[in-house]
């Protein structure tokens, strides 16, 4: 089959156009650093990269939830440490009152009570550490305080929803199928009997009220009641230590989870980068080769033009 000059020229023109498009594409990839600029570039790779991007967004959500859980538990750890120190101080004051003079340490114990109430009602961004789930009741302090005309605490009552009908777990999702309990059940820390609800319990069921009762007994010189209240304080110290250990274990678990999420995120980012990002070394080499081929095509086209002109001389 005879190939005409016009056909050869058209073929050469198409080759030049294709090489120009290749150079333009490679130039854009080098400038943007992105190999995948649109779905049509590589549909399969684009789909995989999009799925990885969605997965990374979900990992960011889990990481944010994890940060919330860690922050909450760090604050809880501090509150429980503070509460344990305060109970230790109250116990020391009570023992001294029995052995030396019942009235000694009353003013100091009043300060201990104030700080213990603050620890019990401590909040984290508007949500109380020991207030249970994020329902309507979580906006209210777990413990209410009654004061006399001088501002001295005379009673500390459990918040009315501190009962078995409420949810006292605050949870957050830290994985596709993993939900983490964030908080400590305040009943397990402060109440003598966490199973007794507000309607069946009495105002002195919580450790804060026991501190008030200890103070009152010291003022009255009632050594028998002082010793009774010291027993409650010692039991409360054990509860606080137990819950604090649980918080420490939870923080260790959250730290391991954070390490896992970080590793998973780095792996998925690397996989997405392999799909989307430009391989500079490879692309530069390809760009140079395409450029050389285009120059050769230009020269060939010029020669064809020259031959065509000679035919008419």
C-alpha atoms as a PDB file:
ATOM      1  CA  UNK A   1       0.000   0.000   0.000  1.00  0.00           C
ATOM      2  CA  UNK A   2       1.387   3.334  -1.008  1.00  0.00           C
ATOM      3  CA  UNK A   3       1.581   5.877   1.836  1.00  0.00           C
ATOM      4  CA  UNK A   4       1.120   9.404   0.617  1.00  0.00           C
ATOM      5  CA  UNK A   5       3.095  12.352   1.826  1.00  0.00           C
ATOM      6  CA  UNK A   6      -0.065  13.867   3.342  1.00  0.00           C
ATOM      7  CA  UNK A   7      -0.681  10.744   5.423  1.00  0.00           C
ATOM      8  CA  UNK A   8       2.901  10.728   6.675  1.00  0.00           C
ATOM      9  CA  UNK A   9       2.593  14.402   7.583  1.00  0.00           C
ATOM     10  CA  UNK A  10      -0.704  13.916   9.418  1.00  0.00           C
ATOM     11  CA  UNK A  11       0.744  11.024  11.362  1.00  0.00           C
ATOM     12  CA  UNK A  12       3.745  13.132  12.343  1.00  0.00           C
ATOM     13  CA  UNK A  13       1.458  15.975  13.386  1.00  0.00           C
ATOM     14  CA  UNK A  14      -0.530  13.631  15.630  1.00  0.00           C
ATOM     15  CA  UNK A  15       2.684  12.356  17.232  1.00  0.00           C
ATOM     16  CA  UNK A  16       3.844  15.897  17.902  1.00  0.00           C
ATOM     17  CA  UNK A  17       0.484  16.754  19.481  1.00  0.00           C
ATOM     18  CA  UNK A  18       0.573  13.649  21.682  1.00  0.00           C
ATOM     19  CA  UNK A  19       4.110  14.416  22.851  1.00  0.00           C
ATOM     20  CA  UNK A  20       3.149  18.010  23.606  1.00  0.00           C
ATOM     21  CA  UNK A  21       0.246  16.761  25.725  1.00  0.00           C
ATOM     22  CA  UNK A  22       2.603  14.376  27.544  1.00  0.00           C
ATOM     23  CA  UNK A  23       5.039  17.197  28.265  1.00  0.00           C
ATOM     24  CA  UNK A  24       2.224  19.444  29.465  1.00  0.00           C
ATOM     25  CA  UNK A  25       0.928  16.694  31.767  1.00  0.00           C
ATOM     26  CA  UNK A  26       4.380  15.985  33.182  1.00  0.00           C
ATOM     27  CA  UNK A  27       5.046  19.697  33.603  1.00  0.00           C
ATOM     28  CA  UNK A  28       1.809  20.093  35.586  1.00  0.00           C
ATOM     29  CA  UNK A  29       2.726  17.113  37.768  1.00  0.00           C
ATOM     30  CA  UNK A  30       6.136  18.577  38.517  1.00  0.00           C
ATOM     31  CA  UNK A  31       4.649  21.980  39.309  1.00  0.00           C
ATOM     32  CA  UNK A  32       1.825  20.688  41.550  1.00  0.00           C
ATOM     33  CA  UNK A  33       3.578  17.670  43.025  1.00  0.00           C
ATOM     34  CA  UNK A  34       0.415  15.668  42.295  1.00  0.00           C
ATOM     35  CA  UNK A  35       0.292  12.746  39.897  1.00  0.00           C
ATOM     36  CA  UNK A  36      -3.485  12.352  40.222  1.00  0.00           C
ATOM     37  CA  UNK A  37      -5.044  15.638  39.182  1.00  0.00           C
ATOM     38  CA  UNK A  38      -8.444  14.283  38.173  1.00  0.00           C
ATOM     39  CA  UNK A  39     -10.254  10.917  38.169  1.00  0.00           C
ATOM     40  CA  UNK A  40      -9.573  10.372  34.485  1.00  0.00           C
ATOM     41  CA  UNK A  41      -5.811  10.405  35.110  1.00  0.00           C
ATOM     42  CA  UNK A  42      -5.989   6.963  36.710  1.00  0.00           C
ATOM     43  CA  UNK A  43      -9.513   5.930  37.785  1.00  0.00           C
ATOM     44  CA  UNK A  44      -8.410   2.950  39.866  1.00  0.00           C
ATOM     45  CA  UNK A  45      -5.704   4.893  41.723  1.00  0.00           C
ATOM     46  CA  UNK A  46      -8.075   7.842  42.197  1.00  0.00           C
ATOM     47  CA  UNK A  47     -10.659   5.546  43.810  1.00  0.00           C
ATOM     48  CA  UNK A  48      -8.072   4.026  46.147  1.00  0.00           C
ATOM     49  CA  UNK A  49      -6.699   7.441  47.110  1.00  0.00           C
ATOM     50  CA  UNK A  50     -10.210   8.765  47.803  1.00  0.00           C
ATOM     51  CA  UNK A  51     -10.948   5.794  50.059  1.00  0.00           C
ATOM     52  CA  UNK A  52      -7.698   6.405  51.934  1.00  0.00           C
ATOM     53  CA  UNK A  53      -8.594  10.091  52.345  1.00  0.00           C
ATOM     54  CA  UNK A  54     -11.972   9.151  53.826  1.00  0.00           C
ATOM     55  CA  UNK A  55     -10.237   6.720  56.154  1.00  0.00           C
ATOM     56  CA  UNK A  56      -7.775   9.388  57.282  1.00  0.00           C
ATOM     57  CA  UNK A  57     -10.647  11.741  58.107  1.00  0.00           C
ATOM     58  CA  UNK A  58     -12.156   9.024  60.283  1.00  0.00           C
ATOM     59  CA  UNK A  59      -8.811   8.462  61.971  1.00  0.00           C
ATOM     60  CA  UNK A  60      -8.656  12.195  62.732  1.00  0.00           C
ATOM     61  CA  UNK A  61     -12.065  11.904  64.408  1.00  0.00           C
ATOM     62  CA  UNK A  62     -10.855   8.962  66.494  1.00  0.00           C
ATOM     63  CA  UNK A  63      -7.704  10.907  67.402  1.00  0.00           C
ATOM     64  CA  UNK A  64      -9.747  13.913  68.522  1.00  0.00           C
ATOM     65  CA  UNK A  65     -11.921  11.632  70.646  1.00  0.00           C
ATOM     66  CA  UNK A  66      -8.789  10.032  72.046  1.00  0.00           C
ATOM     67  CA  UNK A  67      -7.338  13.435  72.928  1.00  0.00           C
ATOM     68  CA  UNK A  68     -10.600  14.244  74.723  1.00  0.00           C
ATOM     69  CA  UNK A  69     -10.413  10.978  76.679  1.00  0.00           C
ATOM     70  CA  UNK A  70      -6.772  11.536  77.645  1.00  0.00           C
ATOM     71  CA  UNK A  71      -7.434  15.122  78.737  1.00  0.00           C
ATOM     72  CA  UNK A  72     -10.482  14.061  80.759  1.00  0.00           C
ATOM     73  CA  UNK A  73      -8.587  11.278  82.520  1.00  0.00           C
ATOM     74  CA  UNK A  74      -5.593  13.492  83.252  1.00  0.00           C
ATOM     75  CA  UNK A  75      -7.931  15.946  84.972  1.00  0.00           C
ATOM     76  CA  UNK A  76      -9.652  13.085  86.781  1.00  0.00           C
ATOM     77  CA  UNK A  77      -6.275  11.783  87.938  1.00  0.00           C
ATOM     78  CA  UNK A  78      -5.400  15.215  89.327  1.00  0.00           C
ATOM     79  CA  UNK A  79      -8.781  15.539  91.068  1.00  0.00           C
ATOM     80  CA  UNK A  80      -8.493  12.087  92.662  1.00  0.00           C
ATOM     81  CA  UNK A  81      -4.908  12.743  93.783  1.00  0.00           C
ATOM     82  CA  UNK A  82      -6.039  16.007  95.334  1.00  0.00           C
ATOM     83  CA  UNK A  83      -8.990  14.302  97.014  1.00  0.00           C
ATOM     84  CA  UNK A  84      -6.765  11.555  98.436  1.00  0.00           C
ATOM     85  CA  UNK A  85      -4.355  14.126  99.848  1.00  0.00           C
ATOM     86  CA  UNK A  86      -7.272  16.004 101.414  1.00  0.00           C
ATOM     87  CA  UNK A  87      -8.655  12.831 103.000  1.00  0.00           C
ATOM     88  CA  UNK A  88      -5.200  12.052 104.347  1.00  0.00           C
ATOM     89  CA  UNK A  89      -5.032  15.525 105.880  1.00  0.00           C
ATOM     90  CA  UNK A  90      -8.533  15.157 107.359  1.00  0.00           C
ATOM     91  CA  UNK A  91      -7.566  11.810 108.890  1.00  0.00           C
ATOM     92  CA  UNK A  92      -4.444  13.346 110.434  1.00  0.00           C
ATOM     93  CA  UNK A  93      -6.512  16.178 111.900  1.00  0.00           C
ATOM     94  CA  UNK A  94      -9.066  13.727 113.280  1.00  0.00           C
ATOM     95  CA  UNK A  95      -6.415  11.509 114.886  1.00  0.00           C
ATOM     96  CA  UNK A  96      -4.764  14.542 116.434  1.00  0.00           C
ATOM     97  CA  UNK A  97      -8.126  15.732 117.740  1.00  0.00           C
ATOM     98  CA  UNK A  98      -8.660  12.398 119.517  1.00  0.00           C
ATOM     99  CA  UNK A  99      -5.181  12.184 120.992  1.00  0.00           C
ATOM    100  CA  UNK A 100      -4.612  15.852 121.898  1.00  0.00           C
ATOM    101  CA  UNK A 101      -7.695  18.059 121.857  1.00  0.00           C
ATOM    102  CA  UNK A 102     -10.947  17.640 119.894  1.00  0.00           C
ATOM    103  CA  UNK A 103     -11.147  21.325 119.000  1.00  0.00           C
ATOM    104  CA  UNK A 104      -7.714  21.376 117.361  1.00  0.00           C
ATOM    105  CA  UNK A 105      -7.720  21.624 113.576  1.00  0.00           C
ATOM    106  CA  UNK A 106     -11.351  22.675 113.093  1.00  0.00           C
ATOM    107  CA  UNK A 107     -10.410  25.726 111.009  1.00  0.00           C
ATOM    108  CA  UNK A 108      -7.970  23.673 108.964  1.00  0.00           C
ATOM    109  CA  UNK A 109     -10.580  20.985 108.392  1.00  0.00           C
ATOM    110  CA  UNK A 110     -13.006  23.630 107.140  1.00  0.00           C
ATOM    111  CA  UNK A 111     -10.465  24.451 104.441  1.00  0.00           C
ATOM    112  CA  UNK A 112     -10.083  20.759 103.633  1.00  0.00           C
ATOM    113  CA  UNK A 113     -13.877  20.516 103.183  1.00  0.00           C
ATOM    114  CA  UNK A 114     -13.912  23.492 100.807  1.00  0.00           C
ATOM    115  CA  UNK A 115     -11.155  22.001  98.655  1.00  0.00           C
ATOM    116  CA  UNK A 116     -12.754  18.551  98.684  1.00  0.00           C
ATOM    117  CA  UNK A 117     -16.026  20.009  97.412  1.00  0.00           C
ATOM    118  CA  UNK A 118     -14.102  21.763  94.632  1.00  0.00           C
ATOM    119  CA  UNK A 119     -12.446  18.473  93.632  1.00  0.00           C
ATOM    120  CA  UNK A 120     -15.789  16.639  93.684  1.00  0.00           C
ATOM    121  CA  UNK A 121     -17.469  19.291  91.522  1.00  0.00           C
ATOM    122  CA  UNK A 122     -14.540  19.879  89.175  1.00  0.00           C
ATOM    123  CA  UNK A 123     -15.552  20.322  85.552  1.00  0.00           C
ATOM    124  CA  UNK A 124     -13.858  19.808  82.206  1.00  0.00           C
ATOM    125  CA  UNK A 125     -15.113  22.252  79.576  1.00  0.00           C
ATOM    126  CA  UNK A 126     -18.507  22.561  81.234  1.00  0.00           C
ATOM    127  CA  UNK A 127     -18.979  18.835  81.954  1.00  0.00           C
ATOM    128  CA  UNK A 128     -18.450  17.593  85.486  1.00  0.00           C
ATOM    129  CA  UNK A 129     -15.784  14.924  85.896  1.00  0.00           C
ATOM    130  CA  UNK A 130     -17.901  12.954  88.353  1.00  0.00           C
ATOM    131  CA  UNK A 131     -21.295  13.964  86.958  1.00  0.00           C
ATOM    132  CA  UNK A 132     -22.020  11.055  84.660  1.00  0.00           C
ATOM    133  CA  UNK A 133     -23.296  11.074  81.085  1.00  0.00           C
ATOM    134  CA  UNK A 134     -23.770  14.218  78.987  1.00  0.00           C
ATOM    135  CA  UNK A 135     -27.503  14.471  79.590  1.00  0.00           C
ATOM    136  CA  UNK A 136     -29.456  17.342  81.108  1.00  0.00           C
ATOM    137  CA  UNK A 137     -28.288  16.511  84.632  1.00  0.00           C
ATOM    138  CA  UNK A 138     -24.620  16.741  83.712  1.00  0.00           C
ATOM    139  CA  UNK A 139     -24.974  20.521  83.617  1.00  0.00           C
ATOM    140  CA  UNK A 140     -25.542  20.516  87.376  1.00  0.00           C
ATOM    141  CA  UNK A 141     -22.927  19.979  90.058  1.00  0.00           C
ATOM    142  CA  UNK A 142     -22.866  16.446  91.498  1.00  0.00           C
ATOM    143  CA  UNK A 143     -22.919  17.858  95.049  1.00  0.00           C
ATOM    144  CA  UNK A 144     -24.806  20.792  96.499  1.00  0.00           C
ATOM    145  CA  UNK A 145     -23.512  22.703  99.501  1.00  0.00           C
ATOM    146  CA  UNK A 146     -25.446  24.330 102.348  1.00  0.00           C
ATOM    147  CA  UNK A 147     -23.737  27.169 104.231  1.00  0.00           C
ATOM    148  CA  UNK A 148     -24.474  29.158 107.357  1.00  0.00           C
ATOM    149  CA  UNK A 149     -24.529  32.946 107.604  1.00  0.00           C
ATOM    150  CA  UNK A 150     -20.726  33.007 107.898  1.00  0.00           C
ATOM    151  CA  UNK A 151     -20.293  30.978 104.715  1.00  0.00           C
ATOM    152  CA  UNK A 152     -19.139  27.843 106.520  1.00  0.00           C
ATOM    153  CA  UNK A 153     -20.238  24.555 104.962  1.00  0.00           C
ATOM    154  CA  UNK A 154     -22.907  22.912 107.117  1.00  0.00           C
ATOM    155  CA  UNK A 155     -24.012  20.091 104.795  1.00  0.00           C
ATOM    156  CA  UNK A 156     -23.126  18.497 101.461  1.00  0.00           C
ATOM    157  CA  UNK A 157     -25.907  16.637  99.680  1.00  0.00           C
ATOM    158  CA  UNK A 158     -25.791  14.258  96.729  1.00  0.00           C
ATOM    159  CA  UNK A 159     -27.224  15.747  93.588  1.00  0.00           C
ATOM    160  CA  UNK A 160     -30.767  14.412  93.183  1.00  0.00           C
ATOM    161  CA  UNK A 161     -29.968  12.439  90.003  1.00  0.00           C
ATOM    162  CA  UNK A 162     -27.091  10.598  91.699  1.00  0.00           C
ATOM    163  CA  UNK A 163     -29.089   7.401  91.545  1.00  0.00           C
ATOM    164  CA  UNK A 164     -29.204   4.048  89.837  1.00  0.00           C
ATOM    165  CA  UNK A 165     -31.634   5.152  87.138  1.00  0.00           C
ATOM    166  CA  UNK A 166     -29.096   7.478  85.533  1.00  0.00           C
ATOM    167  CA  UNK A 167     -26.279   6.611  83.144  1.00  0.00           C
ATOM    168  CA  UNK A 168     -22.958   7.384  84.804  1.00  0.00           C
ATOM    169  CA  UNK A 169     -20.741   6.432  81.918  1.00  0.00           C
ATOM    170  CA  UNK A 170     -19.343   8.977  79.493  1.00  0.00           C
ATOM    171  CA  UNK A 171     -18.066   7.151  76.411  1.00  0.00           C
ATOM    172  CA  UNK A 172     -16.414   8.062  73.132  1.00  0.00           C
ATOM    173  CA  UNK A 173     -15.548   6.122  69.978  1.00  0.00           C
ATOM    174  CA  UNK A 174     -11.808   5.649  69.411  1.00  0.00           C
ATOM    175  CA  UNK A 175     -11.997   3.039  66.640  1.00  0.00           C
ATOM    176  CA  UNK A 176     -14.377   1.549  64.108  1.00  0.00           C
ATOM    177  CA  UNK A 177     -15.605  -1.036  66.607  1.00  0.00           C
ATOM    178  CA  UNK A 178     -14.047   0.373  69.776  1.00  0.00           C
ATOM    179  CA  UNK A 179     -15.846   2.534  72.340  1.00  0.00           C
ATOM    180  CA  UNK A 180     -13.928   3.796  75.357  1.00  0.00           C
ATOM    181  CA  UNK A 181     -15.468   4.666  78.719  1.00  0.00           C
ATOM    182  CA  UNK A 182     -13.937   8.018  79.623  1.00  0.00           C
ATOM    183  CA  UNK A 183     -15.044   8.833  83.138  1.00  0.00           C
ATOM    184  CA  UNK A 184     -15.048   7.511  86.676  1.00  0.00           C
ATOM    185  CA  UNK A 185     -18.462   6.787  88.155  1.00  0.00           C
ATOM    186  CA  UNK A 186     -18.717   9.429  90.867  1.00  0.00           C
ATOM    187  CA  UNK A 187     -20.870   7.136  93.004  1.00  0.00           C
ATOM    188  CA  UNK A 188     -17.973   4.666  93.303  1.00  0.00           C
ATOM    189  CA  UNK A 189     -15.758   7.445  94.649  1.00  0.00           C
ATOM    190  CA  UNK A 190     -18.002   9.490  96.929  1.00  0.00           C
ATOM    191  CA  UNK A 191     -20.915   7.337  98.079  1.00  0.00           C
ATOM    192  CA  UNK A 192     -20.720   4.779 100.883  1.00  0.00           C
ATOM    193  CA  UNK A 193     -23.163   2.570  98.982  1.00  0.00           C
ATOM    194  CA  UNK A 194     -23.257   3.333  95.217  1.00  0.00           C
ATOM    195  CA  UNK A 195     -26.290   1.075  94.799  1.00  0.00           C
ATOM    196  CA  UNK A 196     -28.480   3.254  97.040  1.00  0.00           C
ATOM    197  CA  UNK A 197     -30.361   5.856  95.012  1.00  0.00           C
ATOM    198  CA  UNK A 198     -31.212   9.396  96.057  1.00  0.00           C
ATOM    199  CA  UNK A 199     -34.692   8.514  97.264  1.00  0.00           C
ATOM    200  CA  UNK A 200     -33.409   5.730  99.509  1.00  0.00           C
ATOM    201  CA  UNK A 201     -30.205   7.298 100.711  1.00  0.00           C
ATOM    202  CA  UNK A 202     -29.595   9.834 103.453  1.00  0.00           C
ATOM    203  CA  UNK A 203     -27.649  13.132 103.203  1.00  0.00           C
ATOM    204  CA  UNK A 204     -24.650  11.646 105.023  1.00  0.00           C
ATOM    205  CA  UNK A 205     -24.084   8.885 102.470  1.00  0.00           C
ATOM    206  CA  UNK A 206     -21.235  10.772 100.782  1.00  0.00           C
ATOM    207  CA  UNK A 207     -17.686  11.287 101.964  1.00  0.00           C
ATOM    208  CA  UNK A 208     -17.990  15.070 101.829  1.00  0.00           C
ATOM    209  CA  UNK A 209     -20.757  14.972 104.413  1.00  0.00           C
ATOM    210  CA  UNK A 210     -18.612  12.646 106.528  1.00  0.00           C
ATOM    211  CA  UNK A 211     -15.950  15.346 106.553  1.00  0.00           C
ATOM    212  CA  UNK A 212     -18.563  17.846 107.736  1.00  0.00           C
ATOM    213  CA  UNK A 213     -19.663  15.383 110.433  1.00  0.00           C
ATOM    214  CA  UNK A 214     -16.043  14.914 111.489  1.00  0.00           C
ATOM    215  CA  UNK A 215     -15.622  18.671 111.784  1.00  0.00           C
ATOM    216  CA  UNK A 216     -18.825  18.990 113.812  1.00  0.00           C
ATOM    217  CA  UNK A 217     -17.728  16.185 116.135  1.00  0.00           C
ATOM    218  CA  UNK A 218     -14.370  17.897 116.654  1.00  0.00           C
ATOM    219  CA  UNK A 219     -16.135  21.144 117.533  1.00  0.00           C
ATOM    220  CA  UNK A 220     -18.384  19.304 119.983  1.00  0.00           C
ATOM    221  CA  UNK A 221     -15.513  17.366 121.527  1.00  0.00           C
ATOM    222  CA  UNK A 222     -17.265  14.071 120.692  1.00  0.00           C
ATOM    223  CA  UNK A 223     -14.325  11.660 120.382  1.00  0.00           C
ATOM    224  CA  UNK A 224     -16.564   8.660 119.773  1.00  0.00           C
ATOM    225  CA  UNK A 225     -18.155  10.252 116.705  1.00  0.00           C
ATOM    226  CA  UNK A 226     -14.730  11.449 115.574  1.00  0.00           C
ATOM    227  CA  UNK A 227     -13.505   7.852 115.540  1.00  0.00           C
ATOM    228  CA  UNK A 228     -16.628   6.706 113.690  1.00  0.00           C
ATOM    229  CA  UNK A 229     -16.141   9.338 111.003  1.00  0.00           C
ATOM    230  CA  UNK A 230     -12.438   8.515 110.720  1.00  0.00           C
ATOM    231  CA  UNK A 231     -13.459   4.980 109.782  1.00  0.00           C
ATOM    232  CA  UNK A 232     -15.539   6.383 106.906  1.00  0.00           C
ATOM    233  CA  UNK A 233     -12.608   8.569 105.829  1.00  0.00           C
ATOM    234  CA  UNK A 234     -10.235   5.587 105.745  1.00  0.00           C
ATOM    235  CA  UNK A 235     -12.708   3.582 103.665  1.00  0.00           C
ATOM    236  CA  UNK A 236     -13.092   6.515 101.276  1.00  0.00           C
ATOM    237  CA  UNK A 237      -9.317   6.713 100.879  1.00  0.00           C
ATOM    238  CA  UNK A 238      -9.320   3.113  99.711  1.00  0.00           C
ATOM    239  CA  UNK A 239     -12.078   3.833  97.196  1.00  0.00           C
ATOM    240  CA  UNK A 240     -10.209   6.831  95.848  1.00  0.00           C
ATOM    241  CA  UNK A 241      -6.991   4.837  95.485  1.00  0.00           C
ATOM    242  CA  UNK A 242      -8.857   2.047  93.699  1.00  0.00           C
ATOM    243  CA  UNK A 243     -10.452   4.456  91.222  1.00  0.00           C
ATOM    244  CA  UNK A 244      -7.184   6.296  90.718  1.00  0.00           C
ATOM    245  CA  UNK A 245      -5.489   3.010  89.817  1.00  0.00           C
ATOM    246  CA  UNK A 246      -8.242   2.391  87.270  1.00  0.00           C
ATOM    247  CA  UNK A 247      -7.629   5.832  85.778  1.00  0.00           C
ATOM    248  CA  UNK A 248      -3.897   5.122  85.539  1.00  0.00           C
ATOM    249  CA  UNK A 249      -4.574   1.836  83.736  1.00  0.00           C
ATOM    250  CA  UNK A 250      -6.992   3.600  81.387  1.00  0.00           C
ATOM    251  CA  UNK A 251      -4.414   6.277  80.560  1.00  0.00           C
ATOM    252  CA  UNK A 252      -1.863   3.579  79.725  1.00  0.00           C
ATOM    253  CA  UNK A 253      -4.410   1.906  77.440  1.00  0.00           C
ATOM    254  CA  UNK A 254      -5.218   5.222  75.771  1.00  0.00           C
ATOM    255  CA  UNK A 255      -1.512   5.876  75.221  1.00  0.00           C
ATOM    256  CA  UNK A 256      -1.122   2.530  73.461  1.00  0.00           C
ATOM    257  CA  UNK A 257      -4.183   3.281  71.362  1.00  0.00           C
ATOM    258  CA  UNK A 258      -2.738   6.676  70.430  1.00  0.00           C
ATOM    259  CA  UNK A 259       0.497   5.018  69.281  1.00  0.00           C
ATOM    260  CA  UNK A 260      -1.504   2.558  67.186  1.00  0.00           C
ATOM    261  CA  UNK A 261      -3.567   5.321  65.551  1.00  0.00           C
ATOM    262  CA  UNK A 262      -0.441   7.328  64.798  1.00  0.00           C
ATOM    263  CA  UNK A 263       1.204   4.323  63.137  1.00  0.00           C
ATOM    264  CA  UNK A 264      -1.951   3.543  61.179  1.00  0.00           C
ATOM    265  CA  UNK A 265      -2.279   7.141  60.042  1.00  0.00           C
ATOM    266  CA  UNK A 266       1.340   7.309  58.855  1.00  0.00           C
ATOM    267  CA  UNK A 267       0.891   4.056  56.907  1.00  0.00           C
ATOM    268  CA  UNK A 268      -2.255   5.285  55.162  1.00  0.00           C
ATOM    269  CA  UNK A 269      -0.730   8.680  54.410  1.00  0.00           C
ATOM    270  CA  UNK A 270       2.259   6.955  52.816  1.00  0.00           C
ATOM    271  CA  UNK A 271      -0.006   4.722  50.726  1.00  0.00           C
ATOM    272  CA  UNK A 272      -2.038   7.715  49.579  1.00  0.00           C
ATOM    273  CA  UNK A 273       1.149   9.604  48.765  1.00  0.00           C
ATOM    274  CA  UNK A 274       2.360   6.720  46.607  1.00  0.00           C
ATOM    275  CA  UNK A 275      -0.882   6.916  44.653  1.00  0.00           C
ATOM    276  CA  UNK A 276      -1.279  10.677  44.386  1.00  0.00           C
ATOM    277  CA  UNK A 277       2.107  12.344  44.658  1.00  0.00           C
ATOM    278  CA  UNK A 278       4.569  12.848  41.857  1.00  0.00           C
ATOM    279  CA  UNK A 279       7.718  10.723  41.885  1.00  0.00           C
ATOM    280  CA  UNK A 280      10.085  13.577  41.077  1.00  0.00           C
ATOM    281  CA  UNK A 281      13.059  11.518  39.938  1.00  0.00           C
ATOM    282  CA  UNK A 282      10.975   9.308  37.656  1.00  0.00           C
ATOM    283  CA  UNK A 283       8.886  12.190  36.324  1.00  0.00           C
ATOM    284  CA  UNK A 284      11.908  14.399  35.585  1.00  0.00           C
ATOM    285  CA  UNK A 285      13.544  11.543  33.659  1.00  0.00           C
ATOM    286  CA  UNK A 286      10.338  10.916  31.727  1.00  0.00           C
ATOM    287  CA  UNK A 287       9.981  14.647  31.042  1.00  0.00           C
ATOM    288  CA  UNK A 288      13.487  14.787  29.601  1.00  0.00           C
ATOM    289  CA  UNK A 289      12.872  11.738  27.423  1.00  0.00           C
ATOM    290  CA  UNK A 290       9.566  13.137  26.162  1.00  0.00           C
ATOM    291  CA  UNK A 291      11.265  16.458  25.468  1.00  0.00           C
ATOM    292  CA  UNK A 292      13.975  14.760  23.443  1.00  0.00           C
ATOM    293  CA  UNK A 293      11.372  12.798  21.499  1.00  0.00           C
ATOM    294  CA  UNK A 294       9.430  15.992  20.768  1.00  0.00           C
ATOM    295  CA  UNK A 295      12.540  17.733  19.478  1.00  0.00           C
ATOM    296  CA  UNK A 296      13.189  14.765  17.184  1.00  0.00           C
ATOM    297  CA  UNK A 297       9.612  14.947  15.976  1.00  0.00           C
ATOM    298  CA  UNK A 298      10.014  18.651  15.217  1.00  0.00           C
ATOM    299  CA  UNK A 299      13.144  17.952  13.179  1.00  0.00           C
ATOM    300  CA  UNK A 300      11.447  15.132  11.287  1.00  0.00           C
ATOM    301  CA  UNK A 301       8.471  17.349  10.515  1.00  0.00           C
ATOM    302  CA  UNK A 302      10.802  20.055   9.298  1.00  0.00           C
ATOM    303  CA  UNK A 303      12.552  17.575   6.997  1.00  0.00           C
ATOM    304  CA  UNK A 304       9.193  16.467   5.598  1.00  0.00           C
ATOM    305  CA  UNK A 305       8.315  20.083   4.916  1.00  0.00           C
ATOM    306  CA  UNK A 306      11.644  20.490   3.165  1.00  0.00           C
ATOM    307  CA  UNK A 307      11.101  17.440   0.997  1.00  0.00           C
ATOM    308  CA  UNK A 308       7.669  18.673   0.035  1.00  0.00           C
ATOM    309  CA  UNK A 309       9.012  22.020  -1.141  1.00  0.00           C
ATOM    310  CA  UNK A 310      11.712  20.350  -3.244  1.00  0.00           C
ATOM    311  CA  UNK A 311       9.044  18.368  -5.080  1.00  0.00           C
ATOM    312  CA  UNK A 312       7.707  21.604  -6.479  1.00  0.00           C
ATOM    313  CA  UNK A 313      11.005  23.196  -7.456  1.00  0.00           C
END
